[in-house]
């Protein structure tokens, strides 16, 4: 089924249908199909301080649905975006791999779009300036829009102009009224975090210059399913996208995807290029139809592929717990590496606490001295691994496994092995 056909008869977004029923946040269809049920979990970035260690945390269902009309995979909004993102524990600059990815993107896109001192770049959810810093260094005017004040403060300290706001049609109109329109509008790993999807995309349409381009990066649903990446599902991620669905979303708001790239980041992502539908200066490339055909051939316009996913997830949980039980019974010491959102989904779904993993470490000092939400595993700086010399290091941000294993190459001196839980548990000597 082609995206244009799926767009027909879309209804307006509705919060409920009179009972506890939930509607698709894009097309309004009643959500009746479960994609995966991961039980209940606290917010994945709600790290626990020592003072609050003995206090109960709110837990919410971690139940993902798939829309039977537009095939958008999504969670219900149990907690508002304002409550989640006004202060945030995620800082993008603590991964060298990610910074290198962003630097290369800046060089490539500046050349492709001929960006210079006359241009205007805007990034939505610009975090700590991890990306825009490279545009600033090249002399390209850049503005970040970031809802988390604690994170935006770091970006401003880097010399990246940043305003603390949530983005939507209201903010877009304010920017245009101030005389700003974007030649390049960037959204890296933000589309998944948007509960009011239509308002967000409509705002992008408003702030994009007549001949401007949008690039959006987001984890590819096809890679999530094929790679068994269930741990990337958490409350802060409201939606999960295929190209099939994302093309419908932008088309509904008068924009067209004219190019797409497949990226290795975050376990497999897409970078889409979007323009106004009446901008004839950017003809569509064959990459779009080629990937769309692959998705349809793989069944992403049918429900079967979505229904089968949950069965694989249960088996992954069993295998993970079997390994941890056997290792602990053999007297092995296990430390974690990283405290990412995906890690907290895995820990809570599998019930992994300090009876299995002694502690975890993270390069982000904001998390040191805190405990993982729900499972209460203490978080230290990476030097803790050298002090305790564990037998296994359980890598939670598995998408950065190569970078982390290189950082800890010296751990092999005491016989340490590395454990990767996704797509299925693997032990590296």
Protein backbone atom coordinates (compact mmCIF):
# COMPACT_ATOMS: atom_id res chain seq x y z
CA UNK A 1 0.00 0.00 0.00
CA UNK A 2 1.48 3.34 -1.04
CA UNK A 3 1.85 6.19 1.50
CA UNK A 4 -0.56 8.43 -0.42
CA UNK A 5 -3.26 5.78 -0.19
CA UNK A 6 -2.75 5.46 3.53
CA UNK A 7 -3.29 9.20 3.93
CA UNK A 8 -6.91 9.03 2.81
CA UNK A 9 -9.64 9.63 5.35
CA UNK A 10 -7.31 10.55 8.20
CA UNK A 11 -9.27 11.91 11.10
CA UNK A 12 -8.19 14.51 13.62
CA UNK A 13 -6.24 13.51 16.69
CA UNK A 14 -8.44 12.55 19.64
CA UNK A 15 -7.20 11.79 23.14
CA UNK A 16 -9.77 9.07 23.84
CA UNK A 17 -12.90 7.51 22.42
CA UNK A 18 -15.02 7.87 25.53
CA UNK A 19 -13.48 5.03 27.56
CA UNK A 20 -9.85 4.11 28.19
CA UNK A 21 -9.28 3.65 24.47
CA UNK A 22 -6.36 5.48 22.91
CA UNK A 23 -6.11 6.97 19.43
CA UNK A 24 -3.12 7.20 17.09
CA UNK A 25 -1.35 10.49 17.71
CA UNK A 26 -0.96 11.00 13.96
CA UNK A 27 -4.08 9.75 12.19
CA UNK A 28 -6.58 9.34 15.03
CA UNK A 29 -7.31 5.66 14.44
CA UNK A 30 -8.29 3.66 17.54
CA UNK A 31 -5.25 1.66 18.74
CA UNK A 32 -6.21 -1.99 19.08
CA UNK A 33 -2.98 -3.87 18.21
CA UNK A 34 -0.16 -4.48 20.72
CA UNK A 35 3.38 -4.24 19.35
CA UNK A 36 5.18 -5.29 22.56
CA UNK A 37 4.35 -5.32 26.26
CA UNK A 38 7.37 -4.64 28.49
CA UNK A 39 5.44 -4.56 31.75
CA UNK A 40 5.76 -1.45 33.90
CA UNK A 41 8.75 0.82 34.39
CA UNK A 42 9.71 4.22 35.80
CA UNK A 43 10.86 6.97 33.44
CA UNK A 44 14.21 5.85 32.07
CA UNK A 45 16.03 9.13 32.84
CA UNK A 46 14.59 9.57 36.36
CA UNK A 47 17.77 8.63 38.20
CA UNK A 48 17.44 8.23 41.95
CA UNK A 49 19.48 10.20 44.48
CA UNK A 50 20.76 8.65 47.69
CA UNK A 51 18.31 10.82 49.66
CA UNK A 52 15.38 9.32 47.73
CA UNK A 53 16.69 5.75 47.67
CA UNK A 54 13.96 4.39 49.94
CA UNK A 55 11.12 6.32 48.35
CA UNK A 56 8.75 4.69 45.90
CA UNK A 57 8.94 5.69 42.24
CA UNK A 58 5.96 6.06 39.93
CA UNK A 59 5.82 3.24 37.38
CA UNK A 60 3.90 3.36 34.12
CA UNK A 61 2.89 0.70 31.59
CA UNK A 62 5.52 0.23 28.91
CA UNK A 63 3.08 -0.96 26.28
CA UNK A 64 3.65 -0.13 22.62
CA UNK A 65 0.82 -0.22 20.08
CA UNK A 66 0.92 -0.22 16.30
CA UNK A 67 -1.70 1.75 14.38
CA UNK A 68 -3.66 -0.43 11.97
CA UNK A 69 -4.10 2.47 9.54
CA UNK A 70 -0.75 4.33 9.30
CA UNK A 71 1.47 1.72 11.05
CA UNK A 72 2.94 4.22 13.50
CA UNK A 73 4.35 2.36 16.53
CA UNK A 74 3.69 4.41 19.65
CA UNK A 75 3.27 4.62 23.41
CA UNK A 76 0.49 6.31 25.27
CA UNK A 77 1.50 9.64 26.86
CA UNK A 78 1.47 8.76 30.56
CA UNK A 79 3.71 11.70 31.49
CA UNK A 80 3.78 14.99 29.59
CA UNK A 81 6.78 16.06 27.54
CA UNK A 82 7.10 19.13 29.77
CA UNK A 83 7.53 16.92 32.85
CA UNK A 84 10.09 14.71 31.11
CA UNK A 85 12.24 17.17 29.20
CA UNK A 86 12.25 20.42 31.19
CA UNK A 87 15.33 19.07 32.99
CA UNK A 88 17.10 16.13 31.43
CA UNK A 89 19.96 13.80 32.32
CA UNK A 90 21.04 13.03 28.75
CA UNK A 91 24.00 14.96 27.33
CA UNK A 92 24.98 14.12 23.75
CA UNK A 93 28.65 15.07 24.02
CA UNK A 94 29.83 12.09 26.09
CA UNK A 95 30.21 9.78 23.09
CA UNK A 96 33.22 10.32 20.84
CA UNK A 97 31.60 8.18 18.15
CA UNK A 98 28.53 10.43 18.09
CA UNK A 99 30.60 13.63 18.00
CA UNK A 100 32.57 12.32 15.04
CA UNK A 101 29.30 11.48 13.29
CA UNK A 102 28.07 15.05 13.83
CA UNK A 103 31.28 16.69 12.66
CA UNK A 104 31.18 14.72 9.40
CA UNK A 105 27.51 15.60 8.90
CA UNK A 106 28.26 19.30 9.31
CA UNK A 107 31.00 19.18 6.68
CA UNK A 108 28.84 17.24 4.21
CA UNK A 109 25.62 19.25 4.58
CA UNK A 110 27.41 22.60 4.36
CA UNK A 111 28.87 21.53 1.04
CA UNK A 112 25.63 20.02 -0.26
CA UNK A 113 23.45 23.04 0.60
CA UNK A 114 26.18 25.66 0.08
CA UNK A 115 25.80 26.96 3.63
CA UNK A 116 27.87 29.92 4.77
CA UNK A 117 27.73 33.21 6.67
CA UNK A 118 24.56 34.16 4.75
CA UNK A 119 22.67 31.03 5.87
CA UNK A 120 20.57 30.19 8.91
CA UNK A 121 20.73 26.81 10.61
CA UNK A 122 18.21 25.86 13.30
CA UNK A 123 18.32 22.67 15.36
CA UNK A 124 15.34 21.36 17.31
CA UNK A 125 16.22 19.68 20.62
CA UNK A 126 19.80 20.89 20.25
CA UNK A 127 20.87 19.41 23.59
CA UNK A 128 24.28 20.60 24.80
CA UNK A 129 25.44 22.09 21.49
CA UNK A 130 27.05 18.80 20.43
CA UNK A 131 26.21 19.46 16.73
CA UNK A 132 25.74 23.20 16.30
CA UNK A 133 29.22 23.85 17.70
CA UNK A 134 30.63 22.67 14.36
CA UNK A 135 28.47 25.12 12.40
CA UNK A 136 29.51 27.94 14.74
CA UNK A 137 33.17 27.09 14.15
CA UNK A 138 32.58 27.36 10.38
CA UNK A 139 30.97 30.79 10.76
CA UNK A 140 27.47 29.57 9.83
CA UNK A 141 24.75 31.32 11.89
CA UNK A 142 23.11 28.70 14.10
CA UNK A 143 20.33 28.66 16.67
CA UNK A 144 19.44 25.83 19.02
CA UNK A 145 15.98 25.27 20.47
CA UNK A 146 16.21 23.10 23.59
CA UNK A 147 13.51 22.56 26.24
CA UNK A 148 15.84 21.37 29.02
CA UNK A 149 17.31 24.42 30.74
CA UNK A 150 20.17 22.52 32.41
CA UNK A 151 21.30 21.14 29.05
CA UNK A 152 20.83 24.42 27.14
CA UNK A 153 23.07 26.15 29.67
CA UNK A 154 25.96 23.91 28.62
CA UNK A 155 25.36 24.75 24.94
CA UNK A 156 25.34 28.49 25.65
CA UNK A 157 28.61 28.07 27.52
CA UNK A 158 30.05 26.55 24.34
CA UNK A 159 29.11 29.64 22.36
CA UNK A 160 26.05 28.07 20.71
CA UNK A 161 23.07 30.48 20.72
CA UNK A 162 20.19 28.57 22.33
CA UNK A 163 16.67 29.41 23.42
CA UNK A 164 14.90 27.34 26.07
CA UNK A 165 11.53 26.41 24.57
CA UNK A 166 9.47 23.47 23.45
CA UNK A 167 8.99 23.55 19.69
CA UNK A 168 5.64 23.58 17.91
CA UNK A 169 3.51 25.95 15.86
CA UNK A 170 3.55 28.61 18.59
CA UNK A 171 7.35 28.77 18.78
CA UNK A 172 7.59 28.56 14.98
CA UNK A 173 5.36 31.62 14.55
CA UNK A 174 7.43 33.50 17.14
CA UNK A 175 10.63 32.76 15.22
CA UNK A 176 9.12 33.85 11.90
CA UNK A 177 7.74 37.03 13.50
CA UNK A 178 11.30 37.78 14.61
CA UNK A 179 12.45 37.48 11.00
CA UNK A 180 13.99 34.02 11.21
CA UNK A 181 13.52 31.22 8.69
CA UNK A 182 15.75 28.21 8.34
CA UNK A 183 17.85 27.31 5.32
CA UNK A 184 18.62 24.10 7.18
CA UNK A 185 16.33 22.75 9.91
CA UNK A 186 17.80 19.85 11.87
CA UNK A 187 16.17 17.32 14.16
CA UNK A 188 18.43 14.54 15.44
CA UNK A 189 16.68 11.88 17.52
CA UNK A 190 13.90 14.26 18.49
CA UNK A 191 10.98 12.98 16.40
CA UNK A 192 10.59 9.99 18.72
CA UNK A 193 10.29 12.33 21.72
CA UNK A 194 7.34 14.33 20.39
CA UNK A 195 3.91 13.58 21.90
CA UNK A 196 2.04 16.24 19.87
CA UNK A 197 3.36 15.02 16.56
CA UNK A 198 1.17 17.02 14.18
CA UNK A 199 1.81 20.32 15.96
CA UNK A 200 5.56 19.68 15.87
CA UNK A 201 5.71 18.88 12.14
CA UNK A 202 3.35 21.76 11.32
CA UNK A 203 5.79 24.03 13.16
CA UNK A 204 8.64 22.76 11.00
CA UNK A 205 6.66 23.67 7.89
CA UNK A 206 6.23 27.23 9.21
CA UNK A 207 9.86 27.91 10.12
CA UNK A 208 11.41 26.29 7.02
CA UNK A 209 12.49 28.80 4.37
CA UNK A 210 10.92 28.51 0.89
CA UNK A 211 14.00 26.77 -0.53
CA UNK A 212 15.19 25.31 2.77
CA UNK A 213 15.78 21.68 3.68
CA UNK A 214 15.04 19.61 6.75
CA UNK A 215 17.17 16.69 7.87
CA UNK A 216 15.83 14.38 10.53
CA UNK A 217 17.63 11.43 12.07
CA UNK A 218 15.77 8.75 14.00
CA UNK A 219 16.14 5.04 14.74
CA UNK A 220 14.69 2.98 11.90
CA UNK A 221 11.79 0.74 12.96
CA UNK A 222 12.97 -1.92 10.54
CA UNK A 223 16.32 -2.08 12.33
CA UNK A 224 14.58 -2.11 15.72
CA UNK A 225 12.52 -5.15 14.75
CA UNK A 226 15.19 -7.05 12.84
CA UNK A 227 17.81 -6.30 15.51
CA UNK A 228 15.49 -7.15 18.44
CA UNK A 229 16.16 -3.70 19.89
CA UNK A 230 13.25 -3.70 22.34
CA UNK A 231 15.30 -1.78 24.92
CA UNK A 232 15.05 1.36 22.77
CA UNK A 233 11.38 1.47 23.77
CA UNK A 234 10.80 3.70 26.79
CA UNK A 235 8.38 6.39 27.92
CA UNK A 236 10.53 9.26 26.67
CA UNK A 237 10.21 7.78 23.15
CA UNK A 238 6.59 8.26 22.17
CA UNK A 239 6.92 7.01 18.56
CA UNK A 240 8.98 4.65 16.39
CA UNK A 241 9.16 5.25 12.64
CA UNK A 242 9.43 3.42 9.37
CA UNK A 243 10.03 5.41 6.18
CA UNK A 244 6.54 4.33 5.10
CA UNK A 245 4.95 6.13 8.06
CA UNK A 246 7.20 9.17 8.22
CA UNK A 247 6.52 9.97 4.56
CA UNK A 248 2.79 10.07 5.35
CA UNK A 249 3.38 12.44 8.26
CA UNK A 250 5.35 15.01 6.29
CA UNK A 251 3.06 14.71 3.26
CA UNK A 252 0.04 15.55 5.40
CA UNK A 253 1.78 18.81 6.35
CA UNK A 254 2.71 19.83 2.81
CA UNK A 255 6.26 18.50 2.70
CA UNK A 256 8.04 15.77 0.77
CA UNK A 257 10.88 13.39 1.58
CA UNK A 258 13.32 13.75 -1.33
CA UNK A 259 16.29 11.71 -0.07
CA UNK A 260 17.08 9.16 2.63
CA UNK A 261 20.29 7.68 4.02
CA UNK A 262 20.69 4.59 6.18
CA UNK A 263 23.06 5.21 9.10
CA UNK A 264 24.74 2.87 11.62
CA UNK A 265 23.99 5.14 14.59
CA UNK A 266 21.75 3.98 17.47
CA UNK A 267 21.62 0.46 16.11
CA UNK A 268 20.51 1.61 12.65
CA UNK A 269 18.94 4.97 11.85
CA UNK A 270 17.52 6.89 8.93
CA UNK A 271 18.42 10.41 7.89
CA UNK A 272 15.63 11.84 5.79
CA UNK A 273 15.83 15.01 3.69
CA UNK A 274 12.59 16.98 3.45
CA UNK A 275 11.47 20.02 1.45
CA UNK A 276 8.31 21.98 0.81
CA UNK A 277 6.14 20.05 -1.60
CA UNK A 278 6.24 22.93 -4.15
CA UNK A 279 10.05 23.31 -4.04
CA UNK A 280 11.18 22.01 -7.44
CA UNK A 281 14.88 22.72 -6.79
CA UNK A 282 15.39 19.40 -4.98
CA UNK A 283 14.22 16.50 -7.15
CA UNK A 284 13.55 13.21 -5.33
CA UNK A 285 16.33 10.65 -5.39
CA UNK A 286 15.91 6.96 -6.08
CA UNK A 287 16.96 6.13 -2.49
CA UNK A 288 13.45 6.95 -1.25
CA UNK A 289 11.54 4.56 -3.49
CA UNK A 290 14.19 1.87 -3.09
CA UNK A 291 13.94 1.84 0.72
CA UNK A 292 10.15 2.16 0.62
CA UNK A 293 9.96 -0.88 -1.66
CA UNK A 294 12.17 -2.85 0.74
CA UNK A 295 9.94 -1.97 3.70
CA UNK A 296 6.80 -3.00 1.85
CA UNK A 297 8.42 -6.21 0.62
CA UNK A 298 9.37 -6.98 4.26
CA UNK A 299 5.75 -6.50 5.33
CA UNK A 300 5.75 -3.13 7.06
CA UNK A 301 2.39 -2.30 5.50
CA UNK A 302 0.90 -5.44 7.10
CA UNK A 303 0.37 -6.36 10.73
CA UNK A 304 2.11 -9.76 10.79
CA UNK A 305 5.64 -8.38 11.15
CA UNK A 306 4.56 -6.25 14.11
CA UNK A 307 2.68 -9.05 15.88
CA UNK A 308 5.66 -11.42 15.85
CA UNK A 309 8.05 -9.06 17.60
CA UNK A 310 6.86 -9.59 21.19
CA UNK A 311 7.60 -13.32 21.12
CA UNK A 312 11.29 -12.72 20.37
CA UNK A 313 11.55 -10.21 23.21
CA UNK A 314 10.39 -12.73 25.83
CA UNK A 315 13.02 -15.23 24.69
CA UNK A 316 15.76 -12.58 24.94
CA UNK A 317 14.77 -11.96 28.57
CA UNK A 318 15.05 -15.66 29.36
CA UNK A 319 18.51 -16.01 27.79
CA UNK A 320 19.82 -12.91 29.56
CA UNK A 321 18.66 -14.11 32.97
CA UNK A 322 20.04 -17.60 32.34
CA UNK A 323 23.51 -16.16 31.70
CA UNK A 324 23.42 -13.90 34.74
CA UNK A 325 22.21 -16.69 37.04
CA UNK A 326 24.91 -19.09 35.83
CA UNK A 327 27.65 -16.45 36.14
CA UNK A 328 26.62 -15.47 39.65
CA UNK A 329 26.40 -19.08 40.81
CA UNK A 330 29.94 -19.56 39.51
CA UNK A 331 31.08 -16.68 41.75
CA UNK A 332 31.70 -14.20 38.92
CA UNK A 333 31.64 -10.45 39.47
CA UNK A 334 29.64 -8.41 36.95
CA UNK A 335 29.79 -4.66 36.42
CA UNK A 336 27.72 -2.63 34.00
CA UNK A 337 28.94 0.00 31.57
CA UNK A 338 26.68 2.94 30.86
CA UNK A 339 23.37 4.19 32.24
CA UNK A 340 21.45 5.00 29.05
CA UNK A 341 17.69 5.07 28.65
CA UNK A 342 17.78 1.80 26.72
CA UNK A 343 19.73 0.18 29.54
CA UNK A 344 17.08 1.07 32.07
CA UNK A 345 14.38 -0.51 29.91
CA UNK A 346 16.40 -3.72 29.74
CA UNK A 347 17.18 -3.74 33.48
CA UNK A 348 13.58 -3.17 34.52
CA UNK A 349 12.02 -5.56 32.02
CA UNK A 350 14.40 -8.36 32.97
CA UNK A 351 14.39 -7.55 36.71
CA UNK A 352 18.17 -7.09 36.85
CA UNK A 353 19.29 -5.48 40.12
CA UNK A 354 22.40 -5.61 42.31
CA UNK A 355 21.85 -9.33 42.85
CA UNK A 356 23.15 -9.67 39.28
CA UNK A 357 25.12 -6.47 38.49
CA UNK A 358 27.17 -4.91 41.30
CA UNK A 359 27.23 -1.40 39.81
CA UNK A 360 27.41 0.43 36.52
CA UNK A 361 29.64 3.26 35.30
CA UNK A 362 29.05 6.22 33.02
CA UNK A 363 31.17 8.99 31.54
CA UNK A 364 28.49 11.57 32.33
CA UNK A 365 29.36 13.08 35.76
CA UNK A 366 25.74 14.20 36.14
CA UNK A 367 24.87 10.56 36.89
CA UNK A 368 27.67 9.77 39.33
CA UNK A 369 26.42 9.02 42.84
CA UNK A 370 22.91 8.31 41.57
CA UNK A 371 21.07 5.02 41.11
CA UNK A 372 19.34 3.57 38.07
CA UNK A 373 15.57 4.10 38.11
CA UNK A 374 13.60 1.15 39.35
CA UNK A 375 16.49 -1.26 39.74
CA UNK A 376 18.59 0.93 42.11
CA UNK A 377 22.01 -0.03 40.70
CA UNK A 378 24.67 2.51 41.81
CA UNK A 379 26.41 4.58 39.13
CA UNK A 380 30.12 5.46 39.33
CA UNK A 381 32.78 6.95 37.07
CA UNK A 382 34.51 4.51 34.67
CA UNK A 383 37.58 4.33 36.93
CA UNK A 384 35.56 2.05 39.22
CA UNK A 385 36.11 -0.82 36.79
CA UNK A 386 39.89 -0.60 37.17
CA UNK A 387 39.51 -0.55 40.96
CA UNK A 388 37.29 -3.64 41.23
CA UNK A 389 38.43 -5.67 38.20
CA UNK A 390 35.16 -7.50 37.45
CA UNK A 391 35.02 -10.77 35.51
CA UNK A 392 32.39 -9.40 33.12
CA UNK A 393 31.42 -5.94 31.90
CA UNK A 394 27.77 -5.84 30.82
CA UNK A 395 27.55 -3.14 28.13
CA UNK A 396 24.15 -1.43 28.26
CA UNK A 397 24.65 1.09 25.38
CA UNK A 398 25.32 -1.79 22.98
CA UNK A 399 25.27 0.61 20.01
CA UNK A 400 28.59 1.99 21.34
CA UNK A 401 30.12 -1.42 22.05
CA UNK A 402 33.16 -0.95 19.79
CA UNK A 403 34.03 2.39 21.39
CA UNK A 404 33.58 1.00 24.91
CA UNK A 405 35.52 -2.21 24.30
CA UNK A 406 38.40 -0.13 22.92
CA UNK A 407 38.29 2.11 26.01
CA UNK A 408 38.48 -0.97 28.23
CA UNK A 409 40.94 -3.01 26.15
CA UNK A 410 43.30 -3.12 29.14
CA UNK A 411 40.66 -5.03 31.13
CA UNK A 412 41.65 -8.17 29.24
CA UNK A 413 44.83 -8.16 31.36
CA UNK A 414 42.83 -9.58 34.28
CA UNK A 415 40.68 -11.82 32.07
CA UNK A 416 37.62 -9.58 31.87
CA UNK A 417 35.02 -10.42 29.23
CA UNK A 418 32.39 -8.17 27.64
CA UNK A 419 28.69 -8.99 27.50
CA UNK A 420 26.39 -7.51 24.83
CA UNK A 421 22.66 -8.18 25.43
CA UNK A 422 21.20 -7.10 22.04
CA UNK A 423 20.21 -8.49 19.52
CA UNK A 424 20.89 -11.57 21.62
CA UNK A 425 23.26 -12.10 24.49
CA UNK A 426 26.85 -12.45 23.28
CA UNK A 427 30.09 -12.73 25.30
CA UNK A 428 33.32 -11.31 23.85
CA UNK A 429 36.64 -12.57 25.22
